[in-house]
């Protein structure tokens, strides 16, 4: 972790657990057949280093239904999430806001 972020995220795990405690779990794909997935592009402001990008990825990764999180380059402020079709877009932005960064949805694409 770099100097700008050291100590800033010590309680991130506890914060994220409290945000998503009791959140509905994604449906079991084996029980319902193949579930539609979606690709969600987010614009994230305030990331200043690789550690920032890692914290955003960790925050998104704990959301039920999120399958993959890619942060291609923190300098571009872009995050791509692959998730079940029923994942709440507001849950994604709320998780990013909880880490101290701004976030907005820049696009979604259905995947079959």
Protein backbone atom coordinates (compact mmCIF):
# COMPACT_ATOMS: atom_id res chain seq x y z
CA UNK A 1 0.00 0.00 0.00
CA UNK A 2 1.36 3.45 -0.87
CA UNK A 3 1.90 6.36 1.51
CA UNK A 4 -1.28 8.14 0.40
CA UNK A 5 -3.46 5.18 1.41
CA UNK A 6 -1.62 3.64 4.36
CA UNK A 7 -4.00 3.04 7.23
CA UNK A 8 -6.97 4.47 5.34
CA UNK A 9 -8.67 1.12 4.73
CA UNK A 10 -7.98 -0.77 7.97
CA UNK A 11 -11.67 -1.24 8.73
CA UNK A 12 -12.86 -1.79 5.15
CA UNK A 13 -13.80 -5.43 5.74
CA UNK A 14 -15.94 -4.54 8.75
CA UNK A 15 -17.56 -1.66 6.87
CA UNK A 16 -18.41 -3.82 3.88
CA UNK A 17 -19.78 -6.63 6.05
CA UNK A 18 -22.08 -4.14 7.76
CA UNK A 19 -23.27 -2.73 4.43
CA UNK A 20 -24.17 -6.12 3.00
CA UNK A 21 -25.26 -7.99 6.10
CA UNK A 22 -28.47 -9.70 5.22
CA UNK A 23 -28.25 -8.82 1.51
CA UNK A 24 -30.15 -11.29 -0.66
CA UNK A 25 -27.94 -13.98 -2.10
CA UNK A 26 -27.78 -14.58 -5.83
CA UNK A 27 -29.89 -17.46 -7.11
CA UNK A 28 -28.21 -20.81 -7.64
CA UNK A 29 -27.61 -21.20 -11.39
CA UNK A 30 -27.83 -24.99 -11.11
CA UNK A 31 -31.39 -24.74 -9.82
CA UNK A 32 -32.65 -22.22 -12.36
CA UNK A 33 -30.57 -22.94 -15.46
CA UNK A 34 -28.25 -20.34 -16.96
CA UNK A 35 -28.90 -16.94 -15.48
CA UNK A 36 -28.43 -13.84 -17.59
CA UNK A 37 -25.37 -11.86 -16.67
CA UNK A 38 -24.50 -8.26 -17.31
CA UNK A 39 -21.39 -6.24 -17.90
CA UNK A 40 -21.45 -2.97 -15.99
CA UNK A 41 -19.04 -0.14 -16.66
CA UNK A 42 -18.46 2.34 -13.85
CA UNK A 43 -16.61 5.63 -13.71
CA UNK A 44 -14.78 5.92 -10.38
CA UNK A 45 -13.32 9.21 -9.22
CA UNK A 46 -10.58 9.73 -6.67
CA UNK A 47 -8.42 6.65 -7.22
CA UNK A 48 -4.82 7.80 -6.87
CA UNK A 49 -2.82 4.58 -6.95
CA UNK A 50 -2.93 0.82 -7.47
CA UNK A 51 -3.94 0.30 -3.83
CA UNK A 52 -7.00 2.49 -4.43
CA UNK A 53 -7.99 0.30 -7.37
CA UNK A 54 -7.53 -2.84 -5.26
CA UNK A 55 -9.79 -1.46 -2.52
CA UNK A 56 -12.52 -0.65 -5.06
CA UNK A 57 -12.22 -4.16 -6.54
CA UNK A 58 -12.44 -5.74 -3.07
CA UNK A 59 -15.50 -3.66 -2.17
CA UNK A 60 -17.32 -4.69 -5.35
CA UNK A 61 -16.25 -8.32 -5.06
CA UNK A 62 -18.19 -8.91 -1.84
CA UNK A 63 -21.54 -7.98 -3.37
CA UNK A 64 -23.69 -11.09 -3.88
CA UNK A 65 -23.91 -11.93 -7.59
CA UNK A 66 -20.70 -10.17 -8.66
CA UNK A 67 -18.65 -12.66 -10.67
CA UNK A 68 -15.63 -10.61 -11.75
CA UNK A 69 -14.23 -7.12 -11.22
CA UNK A 70 -11.65 -5.61 -13.57
CA UNK A 71 -9.87 -2.32 -12.93
CA UNK A 72 -7.83 -2.03 -16.15
CA UNK A 73 -6.00 1.14 -15.06
CA UNK A 74 -6.75 3.28 -12.05
CA UNK A 75 -5.59 6.35 -13.99
CA UNK A 76 -8.47 5.87 -16.43
CA UNK A 77 -11.01 5.77 -13.56
CA UNK A 78 -12.74 2.82 -15.23
CA UNK A 79 -14.08 -0.32 -13.57
CA UNK A 80 -15.80 -3.22 -15.32
CA UNK A 81 -18.00 -5.64 -13.37
CA UNK A 82 -19.44 -8.93 -14.62
CA UNK A 83 -22.44 -9.84 -12.49
CA UNK A 84 -25.71 -11.72 -12.40
CA UNK A 85 -28.54 -9.88 -14.09
CA UNK A 86 -30.26 -9.19 -10.77
CA UNK A 87 -27.37 -7.30 -9.14
CA UNK A 88 -28.43 -3.86 -7.97
CA UNK A 89 -26.59 -1.03 -9.69
CA UNK A 90 -27.08 1.13 -6.61
CA UNK A 91 -25.34 -1.55 -4.50
CA UNK A 92 -22.28 -1.20 -6.74
CA UNK A 93 -22.08 2.57 -6.42
CA UNK A 94 -22.86 2.38 -2.69
CA UNK A 95 -19.92 -0.01 -2.17
CA UNK A 96 -17.58 2.34 -4.00
CA UNK A 97 -18.84 5.35 -2.04
CA UNK A 98 -18.19 3.39 1.17
CA UNK A 99 -14.50 3.20 0.24
CA UNK A 100 -14.36 6.98 -0.14
CA UNK A 101 -14.52 7.33 -3.92
CA UNK A 102 -17.15 8.76 -6.23
CA UNK A 103 -18.89 6.47 -8.68
CA UNK A 104 -21.40 6.52 -11.49
CA UNK A 105 -22.67 3.90 -13.92
CA UNK A 106 -21.41 4.65 -17.42
CA UNK A 107 -23.02 1.68 -19.18
CA UNK A 108 -24.55 -1.79 -18.95
CA UNK A 109 -24.65 -4.64 -21.46
CA UNK A 110 -26.70 -7.82 -21.16
CA UNK A 111 -24.72 -11.03 -21.62
CA UNK A 112 -26.27 -14.44 -22.39
